[in-house]
Amino acid sequence: MAVDALRIRTIGEGLLKPGLIQFIEDIHEADRAALVRVKERTLSKPDKLSEEMIEDDVAMLRERYSAGELIGFHVPIALARKTTDAQKSYVEVFFRRRFETEDGQALYVRGDITIPDEAARFRGAGAFAAFLAHDALISEFLADAENPAHTKWSGTAERVKTNWKYVPQTLTAIREALPTLHRILTTGREQIDARALTSFFWIDDPTSPPAPGGPAVPRPKPKQGPAPGPVPPIPPARRRLILTKRKGGFAIKPGPTFAEVTLPAQVKIDVCYDIEVGKPRWDKLDFDLADDAFTVTVTGADEERTDNTIILTVEQREFELVVDGFDLRRDLVVDYNLIKSKETALA
């Protein structure tokens, strides 16, 4: 059987999500000169991508996105090899709103290779989204950062560290393009899902007719019995430590039973960003608690920081650890251990 474009499309329609093939075809046909421009950023310490960097009417872009139009962005990325000065490259980012009959999906493409683990980072379930790195320079940078299986990028890969300057900053600027621009497009847009809470709040209507094709099932009459007594109050949790969420950080202080702990005592705190798929894990590209970007305030204890871990040596009954400086757009997971007890919370 001959294989042509029509045959391939027919096969794809049976394998891929509804709407995805049309999304890909529309990207190929999109006028690159009409893509929404994003302002250039510095190389060594790039500014975070923001609404102010978009060189177009953002309110109009949101309306177009809400109406189901394809929205494409041209995002400049500065790169520098170890042997040369900075050079200009770019990535292209595309979005289309997912409707009720479709399941959204993200695509990360470097050259002609899809990068599945990078796509798993994207949390915009209400959209089709695509990240395209076709320019030769950025494709070379990302190829050096890829693992042998070509499933993800790593700033600690040997080739990328050997060949390029400012690797963590550059990879962060590349990775944030898709989720940040999608967040800007969807800010302030209400979505209504009439079925969202049916699995939590469902009451049978005795006056409703039986389901088509099914017999009528009589509703049993409730048995009469003694009136229930008062519900006893829930006893307070016996916690030795209390974790408190803060904007961009967290705080830890003594709990109601901390008086039972023998001093001095040590608390080990591990911090990472939550991810959409799989167990939360820390990556060197996310943050380093030893950086000056973090503000750490401690009273009644001493602290040591490295990577994503804080070792707190508590010497007084009244103590507090306050850490600020995390990305406000990410969910923070804090895991803390005191002696042999372990408590985990999502900050």
Protein backbone atom coordinates (compact mmCIF):
# COMPACT_ATOMS: atom_id res chain seq x y z
CA MET A 1 0.00 0.00 0.00
CA ALA A 2 1.42 3.39 -0.97
CA VAL A 3 2.04 5.79 1.88
CA ASP A 4 1.33 9.43 1.15
CA ALA A 5 0.41 12.50 3.20
CA LEU A 6 -3.29 11.62 3.22
CA ARG A 7 -2.60 8.04 4.34
CA ILE A 8 -0.29 9.20 7.14
CA ARG A 9 -2.92 11.66 8.34
CA THR A 10 -5.57 8.93 8.38
CA ILE A 11 -3.30 6.68 10.44
CA GLY A 12 -2.50 9.54 12.82
CA GLU A 13 -6.17 10.31 13.40
CA GLY A 14 -6.59 6.81 14.78
CA LEU A 15 -3.62 7.11 17.13
CA LEU A 16 -3.39 10.72 18.28
CA LYS A 17 -5.71 12.87 20.37
CA PRO A 18 -8.56 14.66 18.55
CA GLY A 19 -7.45 18.10 17.46
CA LEU A 20 -3.70 17.41 17.77
CA ILE A 21 -3.10 16.71 14.08
CA GLN A 22 -4.89 19.90 13.07
CA PHE A 23 -2.86 21.81 15.68
CA ILE A 24 0.40 20.48 14.20
CA GLU A 25 -0.68 21.23 10.63
CA ASP A 26 -1.69 24.78 11.55
CA ILE A 27 1.73 25.34 13.16
CA HIS A 28 3.47 24.26 9.93
CA GLU A 29 1.31 26.65 7.91
CA ALA A 30 1.60 29.59 10.33
CA ASP A 31 3.12 32.81 9.01
CA ARG A 32 6.38 33.16 10.94
CA ALA A 33 6.49 36.89 10.24
CA ALA A 34 3.17 37.29 12.11
CA LEU A 35 4.31 35.59 15.33
CA VAL A 36 4.01 37.69 18.49
CA ARG A 37 7.42 39.07 19.39
CA VAL A 38 8.92 38.82 22.87
CA LYS A 39 11.64 41.26 23.91
CA GLU A 40 15.26 40.14 24.16
CA ARG A 41 16.80 39.42 27.56
CA THR A 42 20.34 39.55 28.91
CA LEU A 43 22.46 36.41 28.79
CA SER A 44 24.30 36.14 32.11
CA LYS A 45 21.28 36.97 34.28
CA PRO A 46 18.11 36.98 32.17
CA ASP A 47 15.02 38.74 33.46
CA LYS A 48 12.05 36.49 34.11
CA LEU A 49 9.60 36.37 31.24
CA SER A 50 6.69 38.73 31.97
CA GLU A 51 3.64 40.27 30.37
CA GLU A 52 5.52 43.54 29.84
CA MET A 53 7.95 41.78 27.48
CA ILE A 54 5.23 40.85 24.99
CA GLU A 55 5.21 43.28 22.07
CA ASP A 56 1.49 43.05 21.41
CA ASP A 57 -1.90 43.76 23.00
CA VAL A 58 -2.06 41.06 25.68
CA ALA A 59 -5.78 41.56 26.31
CA MET A 60 -6.48 40.96 22.62
CA LEU A 61 -4.26 37.88 22.63
CA ARG A 62 -6.27 36.46 25.53
CA GLU A 63 -9.51 37.02 23.63
CA ARG A 64 -8.11 35.31 20.54
CA TYR A 65 -6.86 32.38 22.61
CA SER A 66 -10.22 32.05 24.36
CA ALA A 67 -11.92 31.95 20.95
CA GLY A 68 -9.78 28.96 19.93
CA GLU A 69 -7.31 30.73 17.62
CA LEU A 70 -3.73 29.54 17.20
CA ILE A 71 -1.39 31.90 19.07
CA GLY A 72 2.33 31.79 18.27
CA PHE A 73 5.30 33.55 19.89
CA HIS A 74 8.86 34.22 18.73
CA VAL A 75 11.04 34.11 21.87
CA PRO A 76 14.65 35.33 21.52
CA ILE A 77 17.30 33.34 23.40
CA ALA A 78 20.90 34.54 23.79
CA LEU A 79 23.62 31.86 23.74
CA ALA A 80 27.39 31.92 24.13
CA ARG A 81 29.92 29.20 23.48
CA LYS A 82 33.00 29.06 25.67
CA THR A 83 35.07 30.24 22.69
CA THR A 84 32.85 33.05 21.36
CA ASP A 85 30.79 36.03 22.45
CA ALA A 86 27.02 35.96 22.81
CA GLN A 87 24.95 35.07 19.76
CA LYS A 88 21.24 35.42 19.07
CA SER A 89 18.89 32.48 18.63
CA TYR A 90 15.22 31.85 19.32
CA VAL A 91 12.47 29.33 19.99
CA GLU A 92 8.88 29.31 18.76
CA VAL A 93 5.97 28.63 21.10
CA PHE A 94 2.39 27.90 20.00
CA PHE A 95 -0.90 27.47 21.86
CA ARG A 96 -4.48 26.60 21.07
CA ARG A 97 -7.23 26.31 23.63
CA ARG A 98 -8.57 22.80 24.22
CA PHE A 99 -12.33 22.41 24.02
CA GLU A 100 -14.56 19.91 25.85
CA THR A 101 -14.27 17.18 23.20
CA GLU A 102 -10.46 17.30 23.18
CA ASP A 103 -7.62 16.29 25.49
CA GLY A 104 -4.78 18.80 25.50
CA GLN A 105 -1.15 17.87 24.96
CA ALA A 106 2.27 19.53 24.97
CA LEU A 107 5.01 18.90 22.43
CA TYR A 108 8.68 19.79 22.90
CA VAL A 109 10.66 19.49 19.68
CA ARG A 110 14.40 20.01 19.21
CA GLY A 111 15.20 19.84 15.51
CA ASP A 112 13.19 16.78 14.45
CA ILE A 113 13.27 15.05 17.87
CA THR A 114 10.51 15.18 20.46
CA ILE A 115 11.62 15.48 24.11
CA PRO A 116 8.90 13.72 26.19
CA ASP A 117 10.16 14.38 29.73
CA GLU A 118 10.31 18.12 29.06
CA ALA A 119 6.72 18.02 27.78
CA ALA A 120 5.68 16.37 31.07
CA ARG A 121 6.72 19.55 32.91
CA PHE A 122 3.96 21.56 31.23
CA ARG A 123 0.83 21.85 33.40
CA GLY A 124 -1.52 23.61 31.03
CA ALA A 125 -4.02 20.76 30.71
CA GLY A 126 -6.51 23.05 28.99
CA ALA A 127 -4.40 23.59 25.89
CA PHE A 128 -2.52 22.18 22.97
CA ALA A 129 0.99 23.60 23.29
CA ALA A 130 4.17 23.28 21.27
CA PHE A 131 7.79 24.32 21.91
CA LEU A 132 9.92 24.32 18.76
CA ALA A 133 13.72 24.74 18.74
CA HIS A 134 14.55 24.57 15.03
CA ASP A 135 17.25 27.24 14.81
CA ALA A 136 20.67 25.61 14.38
CA LEU A 137 22.35 27.41 17.30
CA ILE A 138 19.79 26.64 19.99
CA SER A 139 19.32 23.14 18.62
CA GLU A 140 23.05 22.57 19.13
CA PHE A 141 22.90 23.89 22.70
CA LEU A 142 19.95 21.67 23.60
CA ALA A 143 21.50 18.64 21.89
CA ASP A 144 24.53 19.08 24.16
CA ALA A 145 22.19 19.23 27.18
CA GLU A 146 20.22 16.09 26.25
CA ASN A 147 20.57 12.77 28.01
CA PRO A 148 21.54 9.73 25.88
CA ALA A 149 17.88 8.70 25.52
CA HIS A 150 16.93 12.17 24.20
CA THR A 151 14.10 12.46 26.73
CA LYS A 152 15.15 15.54 28.74
CA TRP A 153 17.69 18.35 29.10
CA SER A 154 20.18 18.68 31.93
CA GLY A 155 22.40 21.60 32.84
CA THR A 156 24.94 19.17 34.31
CA ALA A 157 25.49 17.19 31.10
CA GLU A 158 29.21 17.04 30.33
CA ARG A 159 29.01 18.41 26.79
CA VAL A 160 26.88 21.43 27.63
CA LYS A 161 29.13 22.36 30.57
CA THR A 162 32.23 22.01 28.38
CA ASN A 163 30.95 23.92 25.36
CA TRP A 164 28.70 26.70 26.70
CA LYS A 165 28.67 29.64 29.14
CA TYR A 166 25.80 30.48 31.55
CA VAL A 167 24.20 27.06 31.17
CA PRO A 168 21.75 27.17 34.17
CA GLN A 169 20.52 30.67 33.31
CA THR A 170 20.08 29.80 29.63
CA LEU A 171 18.27 26.53 30.25
CA THR A 172 15.92 28.23 32.73
CA ALA A 173 15.08 30.94 30.18
CA ILE A 174 14.35 28.24 27.57
CA ARG A 175 12.22 26.08 29.87
CA GLU A 176 10.08 28.91 31.20
CA ALA A 177 8.90 30.05 27.76
CA LEU A 178 6.04 27.57 27.33
CA PRO A 179 4.49 27.57 30.85
CA THR A 180 4.93 31.31 31.42
CA LEU A 181 3.39 32.41 28.12
CA HIS A 182 0.48 30.01 28.61
CA ARG A 183 -0.08 31.41 32.11
CA ILE A 184 -0.15 34.94 30.66
CA LEU A 185 -2.71 33.93 28.01
CA THR A 186 -5.02 32.26 30.53
CA THR A 187 -4.79 34.82 33.34
CA GLY A 188 -8.26 36.11 34.23
CA ARG A 189 -10.08 33.70 31.91
CA GLU A 190 -12.87 31.78 33.60
CA GLN A 191 -13.52 28.17 32.64
CA ILE A 192 -16.80 26.46 33.48
CA ASP A 193 -16.93 22.69 33.90
CA ALA A 194 -20.45 21.64 34.89
CA ARG A 195 -19.22 18.15 35.80
CA ALA A 196 -16.20 19.13 37.85
CA LEU A 197 -17.67 18.28 41.28
CA THR A 198 -20.18 15.57 40.44
CA SER A 199 -18.01 12.88 41.99
CA PHE A 200 -18.00 14.78 45.30
CA PHE A 201 -21.52 16.25 45.51
CA TRP A 202 -24.14 13.85 44.15
CA ILE A 203 -27.67 13.35 45.53
CA ASP A 204 -30.19 11.03 43.90
CA ASP A 205 -33.40 12.75 42.87
CA PRO A 206 -36.32 10.44 43.84
CA THR A 207 -38.62 12.23 41.36
CA SER A 208 -36.31 11.67 38.36
CA PRO A 209 -37.29 8.94 35.85
CA PRO A 210 -35.22 5.75 35.68
CA ALA A 211 -32.32 5.56 33.26
CA PRO A 212 -33.35 4.56 29.71
CA GLY A 213 -33.43 0.78 29.35
CA GLY A 214 -33.13 0.15 33.09
CA PRO A 215 -35.80 -1.02 35.52
CA ALA A 216 -37.18 1.29 38.15
CA VAL A 217 -35.45 0.64 41.46
CA PRO A 218 -37.52 1.44 44.56
CA ARG A 219 -35.73 3.58 47.11
CA PRO A 220 -35.51 1.86 50.53
CA LYS A 221 -37.19 3.67 53.37
CA PRO A 222 -34.78 4.79 56.07
CA LYS A 223 -35.02 2.84 59.30
CA GLN A 224 -36.19 4.72 62.32
CA GLY A 225 -33.80 4.79 65.22
CA PRO A 226 -32.61 6.91 68.09
CA ALA A 227 -31.43 10.38 67.27
CA PRO A 228 -27.65 10.54 66.95
CA GLY A 229 -25.77 12.09 69.82
CA PRO A 230 -23.48 15.10 69.53
CA VAL A 231 -20.32 14.64 67.45
CA PRO A 232 -17.28 14.66 69.74
CA PRO A 233 -14.69 17.34 68.96
CA ILE A 234 -11.63 16.30 67.00
CA PRO A 235 -8.62 16.23 69.31
CA PRO A 236 -5.79 18.61 68.37
CA ALA A 237 -2.92 17.10 66.42
CA ARG A 238 0.08 16.16 68.54
CA ARG A 239 2.74 17.70 66.37
CA ARG A 240 6.27 18.44 67.42
CA LEU A 241 6.87 20.87 64.55
CA ILE A 242 4.59 23.21 62.64
CA LEU A 243 5.18 24.10 58.99
CA THR A 244 3.61 27.38 57.82
CA LYS A 245 3.19 28.44 54.21
CA ARG A 246 4.49 31.89 53.23
CA LYS A 247 4.47 33.77 49.94
CA GLY A 248 7.61 32.53 48.24
CA GLY A 249 8.75 30.42 51.19
CA PHE A 250 7.95 28.65 54.44
CA ALA A 251 8.51 28.78 58.19
CA ILE A 252 9.03 26.07 60.83
CA LYS A 253 8.45 26.54 64.55
CA PRO A 254 7.75 24.35 67.63
CA GLY A 255 4.49 22.41 67.79
CA PRO A 256 2.33 21.59 70.84
CA THR A 257 4.49 18.60 71.88
CA PHE A 258 7.93 20.00 71.12
CA ALA A 259 8.49 20.28 74.88
CA GLU A 260 8.88 16.48 74.91
CA VAL A 261 11.95 16.67 72.65
CA THR A 262 15.38 16.46 74.27
CA LEU A 263 17.62 19.41 73.39
CA PRO A 264 19.76 20.00 71.52
CA ALA A 265 17.93 18.40 68.61
CA GLN A 266 18.46 18.40 64.86
CA VAL A 267 15.90 18.94 62.13
CA LYS A 268 16.68 17.98 58.51
CA ILE A 269 14.66 19.94 55.95
CA ASP A 270 14.59 18.96 52.26
CA VAL A 271 12.91 21.31 49.77
CA CYS A 272 11.92 20.84 46.12
CA TYR A 273 9.36 22.05 43.60
CA ASP A 274 6.32 19.89 42.94
CA ILE A 275 5.93 18.40 39.45
CA GLU A 276 2.87 17.34 37.50
CA VAL A 277 3.91 13.74 36.90
CA GLY A 278 5.82 11.50 39.30
CA LYS A 279 7.39 12.04 42.70
CA PRO A 280 8.56 15.59 43.51
CA ARG A 281 12.30 15.91 43.10
CA TRP A 282 14.97 18.58 43.26
CA ASP A 283 17.07 19.62 40.28
CA LYS A 284 20.20 21.78 40.37
CA LEU A 285 18.58 24.03 37.76
CA ASP A 286 15.71 24.80 40.12
CA PHE A 287 17.59 26.51 42.95
CA ASP A 288 20.46 26.26 45.45
CA LEU A 289 19.68 27.26 49.04
CA ALA A 290 23.25 28.48 49.44
CA ASP A 291 22.58 31.29 46.93
CA ASP A 292 22.24 34.87 48.12
CA ALA A 293 18.82 34.97 46.44
CA PHE A 294 17.35 33.28 49.54
CA THR A 295 16.65 35.06 52.82
CA VAL A 296 17.02 32.72 55.79
CA THR A 297 16.18 33.96 59.30
CA VAL A 298 16.79 31.73 62.32
CA THR A 299 16.17 32.33 66.03
CA GLY A 300 16.94 29.86 68.81
CA ALA A 301 18.88 27.54 66.49
CA ASP A 302 21.81 27.25 64.07
CA GLU A 303 21.48 26.33 60.41
CA GLU A 304 23.65 24.89 57.64
CA ARG A 305 22.56 25.01 53.98
CA THR A 306 23.61 23.10 50.87
CA ASP A 307 21.79 22.30 47.61
CA ASN A 308 18.14 21.83 48.69
CA THR A 309 18.79 20.82 52.31
CA ILE A 310 18.89 22.72 55.61
CA ILE A 311 20.25 21.14 58.80
CA LEU A 312 18.78 22.97 61.78
CA THR A 313 20.37 22.48 65.22
CA VAL A 314 17.78 23.53 67.79
CA GLU A 315 19.08 24.67 71.18
CA GLN A 316 16.09 26.55 72.62
CA ARG A 317 12.44 25.63 73.19
CA GLU A 318 11.27 28.71 71.32
CA PHE A 319 12.85 28.76 67.86
CA GLU A 320 11.84 29.65 64.33
CA LEU A 321 13.23 29.15 60.82
CA VAL A 322 11.94 31.41 58.04
CA VAL A 323 13.03 30.93 54.40
CA ASP A 324 12.00 33.26 51.56
CA GLY A 325 12.99 33.63 47.91
CA PHE A 326 11.39 30.71 46.06
CA ASP A 327 9.63 31.01 42.69
CA LEU A 328 6.11 32.29 43.35
CA ARG A 329 4.80 30.39 40.33
CA ARG A 330 5.75 26.92 41.59
CA ASP A 331 4.36 24.72 44.37
CA LEU A 332 6.90 24.08 47.08
CA VAL A 333 7.22 20.69 48.79
CA VAL A 334 8.94 20.69 52.20
CA ASP A 335 9.97 17.44 53.88
CA TYR A 336 11.27 17.72 57.45
CA ASN A 337 12.57 15.16 59.95
CA LEU A 338 13.03 15.50 63.70
CA ILE A 339 15.01 12.68 65.39
CA LYS A 340 13.06 9.58 64.25
CA SER A 341 9.72 11.18 63.36
CA LYS A 342 8.94 12.32 59.82
CA GLU A 343 6.31 14.77 58.66
CA THR A 344 5.71 16.01 55.12
CA ALA A 345 3.64 18.96 53.94
CA LEU A 346 2.93 20.90 50.77
CA ALA A 347 3.71 24.56 51.31
